[in-house]
Amino acid sequence: MCAFVTAYGYCIVRSVINVTLRQELTVSIQETEARIGALENTYLERSAALSEAHALAYGLVELAPKAYVRVNAGERLTRRP
């Protein structure tokens, strides 16, 4: 009988701990989602402001020449300009 009472008490304590942990995790997930949303907004604002002039100001240049690879099933890779 003592073992049953001990096991029952253990199950009750574990249930309370699990509910508490789940609530804490839910709050943590919500905070993380809010941070991700803020980062996405910042990214979209900054990416909309980018232009070729900004790239040149940072010293970036366009690569040339461009080369593309065409893949045809059953054939070798072919390079086209």
N, C-alpha and C. Protein backbone atom coordinates (compact mmCIF):
# COMPACT_ATOMS: atom_id res chain seq x y z
N MET A 1 0.82 -1.19 0.00
CA MET A 1 0.00 0.00 0.00
C MET A 1 0.87 1.26 0.00
N CYS A 2 1.96 1.21 0.74
CA CYS A 2 2.87 2.35 0.83
C CYS A 2 3.49 2.64 -0.54
N ALA A 3 3.82 1.59 -1.28
CA ALA A 3 4.39 1.76 -2.62
C ALA A 3 3.38 2.41 -3.55
N PHE A 4 2.11 2.04 -3.44
CA PHE A 4 1.07 2.63 -4.28
C PHE A 4 0.93 4.12 -3.99
N VAL A 5 0.90 4.48 -2.72
CA VAL A 5 0.77 5.90 -2.34
C VAL A 5 1.98 6.69 -2.82
N THR A 6 3.16 6.11 -2.70
CA THR A 6 4.38 6.78 -3.16
C THR A 6 4.34 6.97 -4.68
N ALA A 7 3.95 5.94 -5.40
CA ALA A 7 3.86 6.03 -6.86
C ALA A 7 2.81 7.05 -7.28
N TYR A 8 1.69 7.07 -6.59
CA TYR A 8 0.63 8.04 -6.90
C TYR A 8 1.13 9.46 -6.65
N GLY A 9 1.80 9.67 -5.54
CA GLY A 9 2.35 11.00 -5.23
C GLY A 9 3.37 11.42 -6.27
N TYR A 10 4.22 10.48 -6.70
CA TYR A 10 5.22 10.78 -7.72
C TYR A 10 4.54 11.21 -9.02
N CYS A 11 3.49 10.50 -9.42
CA CYS A 11 2.78 10.84 -10.66
C CYS A 11 2.15 12.23 -10.57
N ILE A 12 1.59 12.57 -9.42
CA ILE A 12 1.00 13.89 -9.24
C ILE A 12 2.07 14.97 -9.36
N VAL A 13 3.20 14.77 -8.69
CA VAL A 13 4.28 15.75 -8.72
C VAL A 13 4.82 15.90 -10.15
N ARG A 14 5.02 14.81 -10.86
CA ARG A 14 5.52 14.86 -12.24
C ARG A 14 4.53 15.57 -13.16
N SER A 15 3.22 15.34 -12.93
CA SER A 15 2.21 16.02 -13.75
C SER A 15 2.28 17.52 -13.54
N VAL A 16 2.41 17.96 -12.30
CA VAL A 16 2.50 19.39 -12.02
C VAL A 16 3.76 19.98 -12.65
N ILE A 17 4.87 19.27 -12.53
CA ILE A 17 6.13 19.75 -13.12
C ILE A 17 5.99 19.84 -14.64
N ASN A 18 5.39 18.85 -15.26
CA ASN A 18 5.24 18.85 -16.72
C ASN A 18 4.35 20.00 -17.19
N VAL A 19 3.27 20.27 -16.47
CA VAL A 19 2.39 21.38 -16.85
C VAL A 19 3.14 22.70 -16.72
N THR A 20 3.90 22.86 -15.66
CA THR A 20 4.67 24.09 -15.46
C THR A 20 5.71 24.27 -16.57
N LEU A 21 6.42 23.21 -16.88
CA LEU A 21 7.42 23.28 -17.95
C LEU A 21 6.78 23.59 -19.30
N ARG A 22 5.62 23.00 -19.55
CA ARG A 22 4.93 23.27 -20.82
C ARG A 22 4.53 24.73 -20.91
N GLN A 23 4.05 25.31 -19.83
CA GLN A 23 3.68 26.72 -19.83
C GLN A 23 4.91 27.60 -20.06
N GLU A 24 6.02 27.28 -19.42
CA GLU A 24 7.25 28.04 -19.62
C GLU A 24 7.74 27.93 -21.06
N LEU A 25 7.65 26.74 -21.62
CA LEU A 25 8.06 26.55 -23.02
C LEU A 25 7.16 27.32 -23.97
N THR A 26 5.88 27.36 -23.69
CA THR A 26 4.95 28.11 -24.53
C THR A 26 5.30 29.59 -24.53
N VAL A 27 5.60 30.14 -23.37
CA VAL A 27 6.00 31.54 -23.28
C VAL A 27 7.31 31.76 -24.04
N SER A 28 8.26 30.85 -23.88
CA SER A 28 9.54 30.98 -24.57
C SER A 28 9.36 30.92 -26.08
N ILE A 29 8.50 30.05 -26.55
CA ILE A 29 8.23 29.94 -27.99
C ILE A 29 7.59 31.22 -28.50
N GLN A 30 6.66 31.77 -27.77
CA GLN A 30 6.00 33.01 -28.19
C GLN A 30 7.01 34.16 -28.26
N GLU A 31 7.91 34.24 -27.27
CA GLU A 31 8.93 35.29 -27.30
C GLU A 31 9.87 35.11 -28.49
N THR A 32 10.23 33.87 -28.77
CA THR A 32 11.10 33.60 -29.91
C THR A 32 10.42 33.96 -31.22
N GLU A 33 9.15 33.62 -31.35
CA GLU A 33 8.40 33.96 -32.56
C GLU A 33 8.31 35.47 -32.74
N ALA A 34 8.14 36.20 -31.64
CA ALA A 34 8.09 37.66 -31.72
C ALA A 34 9.43 38.22 -32.17
N ARG A 35 10.53 37.67 -31.65
CA ARG A 35 11.86 38.12 -32.08
C ARG A 35 12.10 37.81 -33.55
N ILE A 36 11.67 36.64 -33.99
CA ILE A 36 11.82 36.28 -35.40
C ILE A 36 11.02 37.23 -36.28
N GLY A 37 9.80 37.57 -35.86
CA GLY A 37 8.98 38.51 -36.61
C GLY A 37 9.63 39.87 -36.72
N ALA A 38 10.23 40.33 -35.63
CA ALA A 38 10.92 41.62 -35.65
C ALA A 38 12.12 41.57 -36.59
N LEU A 39 12.86 40.47 -36.55
CA LEU A 39 14.00 40.32 -37.46
C LEU A 39 13.56 40.27 -38.92
N GLU A 40 12.44 39.60 -39.19
CA GLU A 40 11.93 39.55 -40.56
C GLU A 40 11.54 40.94 -41.04
N ASN A 41 10.91 41.72 -40.17
CA ASN A 41 10.54 43.09 -40.54
C ASN A 41 11.78 43.93 -40.83
N THR A 42 12.79 43.80 -39.99
CA THR A 42 14.04 44.53 -40.21
C THR A 42 14.68 44.12 -41.52
N TYR A 43 14.69 42.82 -41.78
CA TYR A 43 15.27 42.32 -43.03
C TYR A 43 14.53 42.88 -44.24
N LEU A 44 13.20 42.84 -44.20
CA LEU A 44 12.42 43.33 -45.33
C LEU A 44 12.63 44.83 -45.54
N GLU A 45 12.68 45.60 -44.46
CA GLU A 45 12.91 47.03 -44.59
C GLU A 45 14.28 47.31 -45.20
N ARG A 46 15.29 46.61 -44.71
CA ARG A 46 16.65 46.86 -45.20
C ARG A 46 16.84 46.34 -46.61
N SER A 47 16.23 45.21 -46.96
CA SER A 47 16.39 44.69 -48.31
C SER A 47 15.67 45.56 -49.33
N ALA A 48 14.57 46.22 -48.92
CA ALA A 48 13.87 47.12 -49.83
C ALA A 48 14.70 48.37 -50.11
N ALA A 49 15.55 48.74 -49.16
CA ALA A 49 16.37 49.94 -49.32
C ALA A 49 17.64 49.70 -50.12
N LEU A 50 17.97 48.45 -50.40
CA LEU A 50 19.19 48.15 -51.15
C LEU A 50 19.03 48.52 -52.62
N SER A 51 20.11 49.00 -53.19
CA SER A 51 20.10 49.33 -54.62
C SER A 51 21.51 49.09 -55.15
N GLU A 52 21.66 49.26 -56.44
CA GLU A 52 22.97 49.09 -57.04
C GLU A 52 23.94 50.15 -56.53
N ALA A 53 23.43 51.35 -56.24
CA ALA A 53 24.27 52.41 -55.71
C ALA A 53 24.83 52.03 -54.33
N HIS A 54 23.98 51.42 -53.50
CA HIS A 54 24.46 50.96 -52.20
C HIS A 54 25.54 49.90 -52.36
N ALA A 55 25.35 49.00 -53.28
CA ALA A 55 26.33 47.94 -53.51
C ALA A 55 27.66 48.53 -53.96
N LEU A 56 27.61 49.50 -54.85
CA LEU A 56 28.84 50.13 -55.32
C LEU A 56 29.53 50.89 -54.19
N ALA A 57 28.76 51.49 -53.29
CA ALA A 57 29.34 52.21 -52.15
C ALA A 57 30.09 51.25 -51.23
N TYR A 58 29.65 50.00 -51.16
CA TYR A 58 30.34 49.00 -50.33
C TYR A 58 31.48 48.32 -51.09
N GLY A 59 31.69 48.71 -52.34
CA GLY A 59 32.78 48.13 -53.10
C GLY A 59 32.40 46.87 -53.85
N LEU A 60 31.14 46.56 -53.94
CA LEU A 60 30.71 45.36 -54.66
C LEU A 60 30.60 45.68 -56.15
N VAL A 61 30.96 44.75 -56.97
CA VAL A 61 30.87 44.93 -58.42
C VAL A 61 30.15 43.74 -59.02
N GLU A 62 29.59 43.96 -60.20
CA GLU A 62 28.87 42.90 -60.88
C GLU A 62 29.87 41.92 -61.48
N LEU A 63 29.57 40.64 -61.36
CA LEU A 63 30.42 39.62 -61.93
C LEU A 63 30.10 39.44 -63.41
N ALA A 64 31.14 39.25 -64.18
CA ALA A 64 30.93 39.02 -65.60
C ALA A 64 31.96 38.01 -66.05
N PRO A 65 31.79 37.21 -66.98
CA PRO A 65 30.53 36.93 -67.67
C PRO A 65 29.68 35.93 -66.89
N LYS A 66 28.41 35.98 -67.15
CA LYS A 66 27.50 35.04 -66.51
C LYS A 66 27.48 33.75 -67.33
N ALA A 67 27.44 32.63 -66.65
CA ALA A 67 27.39 31.33 -67.32
C ALA A 67 26.30 30.50 -66.67
N TYR A 68 25.54 29.81 -67.48
CA TYR A 68 24.45 28.97 -66.99
C TYR A 68 24.69 27.54 -67.44
N VAL A 69 24.22 26.61 -66.68
CA VAL A 69 24.36 25.20 -67.03
C VAL A 69 22.97 24.64 -67.26
N ARG A 70 22.82 23.96 -68.37
CA ARG A 70 21.55 23.34 -68.71
C ARG A 70 21.69 21.84 -68.47
N VAL A 71 20.73 21.27 -67.79
CA VAL A 71 20.76 19.84 -67.51
C VAL A 71 19.63 19.17 -68.27
N ASN A 72 20.00 18.27 -69.16
CA ASN A 72 19.01 17.50 -69.89
C ASN A 72 19.09 16.06 -69.40
N ALA A 73 17.96 15.48 -69.14
CA ALA A 73 17.94 14.11 -68.63
C ALA A 73 18.57 13.17 -69.64
N GLY A 74 19.49 12.35 -69.18
CA GLY A 74 20.12 11.36 -70.04
C GLY A 74 21.27 11.90 -70.86
N GLU A 75 21.59 13.19 -70.73
CA GLU A 75 22.69 13.77 -71.49
C GLU A 75 23.71 14.37 -70.52
N ARG A 76 24.80 14.82 -71.09
CA ARG A 76 25.82 15.48 -70.28
C ARG A 76 25.42 16.93 -70.02
N LEU A 77 26.10 17.55 -69.05
CA LEU A 77 25.87 18.97 -68.78
C LEU A 77 26.38 19.78 -69.96
N THR A 78 25.66 20.79 -70.35
CA THR A 78 26.09 21.67 -71.41
C THR A 78 26.15 23.09 -70.89
N ARG A 79 27.15 23.82 -71.30
CA ARG A 79 27.30 25.20 -70.87
C ARG A 79 26.81 26.12 -71.97
N ARG A 80 26.03 27.08 -71.57
CA ARG A 80 25.56 28.05 -72.55
C ARG A 80 25.85 29.44 -72.03
N PRO A 81 26.13 30.37 -72.92
CA PRO A 81 26.46 31.74 -72.48
C PRO A 81 25.25 32.48 -71.94
